[in-house]
C-alpha atoms as a PDB file:
ATOM      1  CA  MET A   1      74.449 123.910  64.253  1.00  0.00           C
ATOM      2  CA  LYS A   2      77.394 125.255  66.244  1.00  0.00           C
ATOM      3  CA  HIS A   3      76.519 123.042  69.189  1.00  0.00           C
ATOM      4  CA  SER A   4      76.039 119.789  67.256  1.00  0.00           C
ATOM      5  CA  GLY A   5      79.698 118.764  67.764  1.00  0.00           C
ATOM      6  CA  PHE A   6      79.355 119.398  71.499  1.00  0.00           C
ATOM      7  CA  ILE A   7      76.123 117.376  71.679  1.00  0.00           C
ATOM      8  CA  ILE A   8      77.710 114.439  69.816  1.00  0.00           C
ATOM      9  CA  LEU A   9      80.724 114.519  72.138  1.00  0.00           C
ATOM     10  CA  PHE A  10      78.402 114.673  75.160  1.00  0.00           C
ATOM     11  CA  ILE A  11      76.421 111.644  73.928  1.00  0.00           C
ATOM     12  CA  ILE A  12      79.630 109.653  73.309  1.00  0.00           C
ATOM     13  CA  LEU A  13      80.945 110.462  76.796  1.00  0.00           C
ATOM     14  CA  LEU A  14      77.594 109.590  78.368  1.00  0.00           C
ATOM     15  CA  ALA A  15      77.523 106.246  76.543  1.00  0.00           C
ATOM     16  CA  MET A  16      81.072 105.504  77.711  1.00  0.00           C
ATOM     17  CA  CYS A  17      80.154 106.262  81.318  1.00  0.00           C
ATOM     18  CA  ILE A  18      77.120 104.016  81.191  1.00  0.00           C
ATOM     19  CA  SER A  19      79.053 101.138  79.621  1.00  0.00           C
ATOM     20  CA  VAL A  20      81.946 101.180  82.103  1.00  0.00           C
ATOM     21  CA  HIS A  21      81.814  98.096  84.304  1.00  0.00           C
ATOM     22  CA  ARG A  22      81.934  98.922  87.985  1.00  0.00           C
ATOM     23  CA  ILE A  23      83.853  96.614  90.270  1.00  0.00           C
ATOM     24  CA  SER A  24      81.605  95.605  93.124  1.00  0.00           C
ATOM     25  CA  ASP A  25      82.628  94.953  96.715  1.00  0.00           C
ATOM     26  CA  ALA A  26      82.124  91.243  96.013  1.00  0.00           C
ATOM     27  CA  ASP A  27      84.523  91.470  93.043  1.00  0.00           C
ATOM     28  CA  MET A  28      87.085  93.247  95.252  1.00  0.00           C
ATOM     29  CA  GLU A  29      86.901  90.456  97.813  1.00  0.00           C
ATOM     30  CA  GLU A  30      87.823  87.917  95.121  1.00  0.00           C
ATOM     31  CA  MET A  31      90.900  89.888  94.034  1.00  0.00           C
ATOM     32  CA  PRO A  32      94.318  89.375  95.641  1.00  0.00           C
ATOM     33  CA  PRO A  33      95.276  91.769  98.420  1.00  0.00           C
ATOM     34  CA  VAL A  34      97.490  94.758  97.629  1.00  0.00           C
ATOM     35  CA  VAL A  35      99.705  97.023  99.704  1.00  0.00           C
ATOM     36  CA  VAL A  36      98.021 100.388 100.230  1.00  0.00           C
ATOM     37  CA  LYS A  37     100.513 102.028 102.605  1.00  0.00           C
ATOM     38  CA  THR A  38     103.960 101.518 104.086  1.00  0.00           C
ATOM     39  CA  PHE A  39     105.967 103.219 106.791  1.00  0.00           C
ATOM     40  CA  PRO A  40     108.466 104.358 105.833  1.00  0.00           C
ATOM     41  CA  GLU A  41     106.915 105.166 102.493  1.00  0.00           C
ATOM     42  CA  SER A  42     108.485 103.360  99.554  1.00  0.00           C
ATOM     43  CA  GLY A  43     110.918 105.638  97.753  1.00  0.00           C
ATOM     44  CA  ALA A  44     111.448 107.861 100.803  1.00  0.00           C
ATOM     45  CA  LYS A  45     114.832 109.467 101.301  1.00  0.00           C
ATOM     46  CA  ASN A  46     116.251 110.885 104.525  1.00  0.00           C
ATOM     47  CA  VAL A  47     114.300 108.462 106.709  1.00  0.00           C
ATOM     48  CA  ASP A  48     115.211 108.801 110.382  1.00  0.00           C
ATOM     49  CA  PRO A  49     117.466 105.822 111.186  1.00  0.00           C
ATOM     50  CA  LEU A  50     116.107 105.848 114.742  1.00  0.00           C
ATOM     51  CA  ILE A  51     112.667 104.589 113.701  1.00  0.00           C
ATOM     52  CA  SER A  52     112.152 101.164 115.205  1.00  0.00           C
ATOM     53  CA  GLU A  53     109.283  99.740 113.140  1.00  0.00           C
ATOM     54  CA  ILE A  54     108.487  99.038 109.536  1.00  0.00           C
ATOM     55  CA  ARG A  55     104.764  98.809 108.768  1.00  0.00           C
ATOM     56  CA  VAL A  56     102.918  97.542 105.741  1.00  0.00           C
ATOM     57  CA  THR A  57      99.154  97.935 105.360  1.00  0.00           C
ATOM     58  CA  PHE A  58      97.023  95.887 102.962  1.00  0.00           C
ATOM     59  CA  ASN A  59      93.597  96.685 101.557  1.00  0.00           C
ATOM     60  CA  LYS A  60      91.942  93.752 103.348  1.00  0.00           C
ATOM     61  CA  GLU A  61      92.294  91.549 106.423  1.00  0.00           C
ATOM     62  CA  MET A  62      95.229  89.200 106.219  1.00  0.00           C
ATOM     63  CA  MET A  63      95.991  85.672 107.416  1.00  0.00           C
ATOM     64  CA  ASP A  64      97.807  85.756 110.761  1.00  0.00           C
ATOM     65  CA  ARG A  65     101.260  84.169 111.059  1.00  0.00           C
ATOM     66  CA  SER A  66     101.718  84.226 107.298  1.00  0.00           C
ATOM     67  CA  TRP A  67     104.155  86.693 105.704  1.00  0.00           C
ATOM     68  CA  SER A  68     107.068  87.000 103.319  1.00  0.00           C
ATOM     69  CA  TRP A  69     109.517  89.808 104.166  1.00  0.00           C
ATOM     70  CA  VAL A  70     111.971  88.902 101.411  1.00  0.00           C
ATOM     71  CA  GLN A  71     115.665  89.809 101.478  1.00  0.00           C
ATOM     72  CA  ILE A  72     117.404  90.534  98.178  1.00  0.00           C
ATOM     73  CA  ALA A  73     120.852  91.165  99.693  1.00  0.00           C
ATOM     74  CA  PRO A  74     121.884  91.072 103.377  1.00  0.00           C
ATOM     75  CA  GLU A  75     123.473  94.530 103.189  1.00  0.00           C
ATOM     76  CA  ASN A  76     120.132  96.043 102.124  1.00  0.00           C
ATOM     77  CA  PHE A  77     117.918  94.276 104.648  1.00  0.00           C
ATOM     78  CA  PRO A  78     117.236  95.737 108.093  1.00  0.00           C
ATOM     79  CA  LYS A  79     118.298  93.991 111.272  1.00  0.00           C
ATOM     80  CA  ILE A  80     115.094  92.494 112.663  1.00  0.00           C
ATOM     81  CA  ILE A  81     114.736  92.916 116.428  1.00  0.00           C
ATOM     82  CA  GLU A  82     111.287  91.358 116.756  1.00  0.00           C
ATOM     83  CA  GLY A  83     109.459  89.208 114.226  1.00  0.00           C
ATOM     84  CA  PRO A  84     106.337  90.159 112.286  1.00  0.00           C
ATOM     85  CA  ARG A  85     102.917  90.589 113.845  1.00  0.00           C
ATOM     86  CA  TYR A  86      99.597  92.031 112.720  1.00  0.00           C
ATOM     87  CA  LEU A  87      97.945  94.932 114.498  1.00  0.00           C
ATOM     88  CA  GLU A  88      94.341  94.708 115.693  1.00  0.00           C
ATOM     89  CA  ASP A  89      93.070  95.880 112.284  1.00  0.00           C
ATOM     90  CA  LYS A  90      94.439  92.592 110.805  1.00  0.00           C
ATOM     91  CA  LYS A  91      95.588  94.617 107.777  1.00  0.00           C
ATOM     92  CA  THR A  92      98.826  96.130 109.098  1.00  0.00           C
ATOM     93  CA  CYS A  93     101.911  93.968 109.586  1.00  0.00           C
ATOM     94  CA  VAL A  94     104.745  95.328 111.734  1.00  0.00           C
ATOM     95  CA  ILE A  95     108.356  94.285 112.304  1.00  0.00           C
ATOM     96  CA  LYS A  96     110.670  95.879 114.860  1.00  0.00           C
ATOM     97  CA  VAL A  97     113.999  96.795 113.303  1.00  0.00           C
ATOM     98  CA  GLN A  98     117.301  98.472 113.921  1.00  0.00           C
ATOM     99  CA  LEU A  99     118.295 100.736 111.033  1.00  0.00           C
ATOM    100  CA  GLU A 100     121.639 102.321 110.238  1.00  0.00           C
ATOM    101  CA  PRO A 101     122.282 105.865 108.992  1.00  0.00           C
ATOM    102  CA  GLY A 102     123.111 106.458 105.334  1.00  0.00           C
ATOM    103  CA  LYS A 103     121.844 103.126 104.095  1.00  0.00           C
ATOM    104  CA  THR A 104     119.478 101.948 101.349  1.00  0.00           C
ATOM    105  CA  TYR A 105     116.972  99.291 102.401  1.00  0.00           C
ATOM    106  CA  ILE A 106     115.245  97.009  99.899  1.00  0.00           C
ATOM    107  CA  ILE A 107     112.511  94.605 100.982  1.00  0.00           C
ATOM    108  CA  TRP A 108     110.132  92.621  98.847  1.00  0.00           C
ATOM    109  CA  LEU A 109     106.730  91.949 100.398  1.00  0.00           C
ATOM    110  CA  ASN A 110     105.968  88.700  98.571  1.00  0.00           C
ATOM    111  CA  THR A 111     107.696  87.684  95.344  1.00  0.00           C
ATOM    112  CA  GLN A 112     106.931  85.131  92.656  1.00  0.00           C
ATOM    113  CA  LYS A 113     108.690  82.507  94.764  1.00  0.00           C
ATOM    114  CA  PHE A 114     107.659  83.619  98.291  1.00  0.00           C
ATOM    115  CA  GLN A 115     103.933  84.342  98.588  1.00  0.00           C
ATOM    116  CA  ASN A 116     103.059  84.032 102.256  1.00  0.00           C
ATOM    117  CA  PHE A 117     101.386  87.412 102.704  1.00  0.00           C
ATOM    118  CA  LYS A 118      97.854  86.101 102.188  1.00  0.00           C
ATOM    119  CA  ASP A 119      94.381  87.373 102.881  1.00  0.00           C
ATOM    120  CA  LYS A 120      92.132  85.561 105.342  1.00  0.00           C
ATOM    121  CA  ASP A 121      90.818  83.409 102.448  1.00  0.00           C
ATOM    122  CA  GLY A 122      94.309  82.291 101.407  1.00  0.00           C
ATOM    123  CA  ARG A 123      94.849  84.502  98.332  1.00  0.00           C
ATOM    124  CA  SER A 124      98.485  85.663  98.051  1.00  0.00           C
ATOM    125  CA  ALA A 125      99.102  89.412  97.982  1.00  0.00           C
ATOM    126  CA  GLN A 126     100.519  91.060  94.900  1.00  0.00           C
ATOM    127  CA  PRO A 127     104.313  91.466  95.291  1.00  0.00           C
ATOM    128  CA  TYR A 128     105.392  94.913  96.457  1.00  0.00           C
ATOM    129  CA  LEU A 129     108.868  96.458  96.516  1.00  0.00           C
ATOM    130  CA  LEU A 130     109.610  98.595  99.576  1.00  0.00           C
ATOM    131  CA  MET A 131     112.738 100.734  99.187  1.00  0.00           C
ATOM    132  CA  PHE A 132     113.896 103.640 101.320  1.00  0.00           C
ATOM    133  CA  GLU A 133     117.078 105.427 102.354  1.00  0.00           C
ATOM    134  CA  THR A 134     118.061 106.569 105.830  1.00  0.00           C
ATOM    135  CA  LYS A 135     119.705 109.926 106.412  1.00  0.00           C
ATOM    136  CA  LYS A 136     123.337 110.106 107.460  1.00  0.00           C
END
């Protein structure tokens, strides 16, 4: 009788595991793309101001020549030296920049209004806020 509570709990957990709907690869393909990695990492502090590229990587292949690097305020947006381009993986978008020491950078990758980061099937990526600070 001591173990009856454990057995009931085990059966409940097993039933929950069986009933959980798994998202298939086909379901994932129908979902909008999302940012999975940035360089510098969002929220980073003491970023080297000498870095010359900002990179954003999505979870799926993206539409070439379609992006929205959105500026909130000019003082928080990096000076762009060379416009956006995708790497060979078609998931990573890169811009060449010139950063300044001791500055906070804020960049939206898509917003409600600007939605040009799109996957190869034309679905707009979920908006993503990239913020980082350079060291002095």
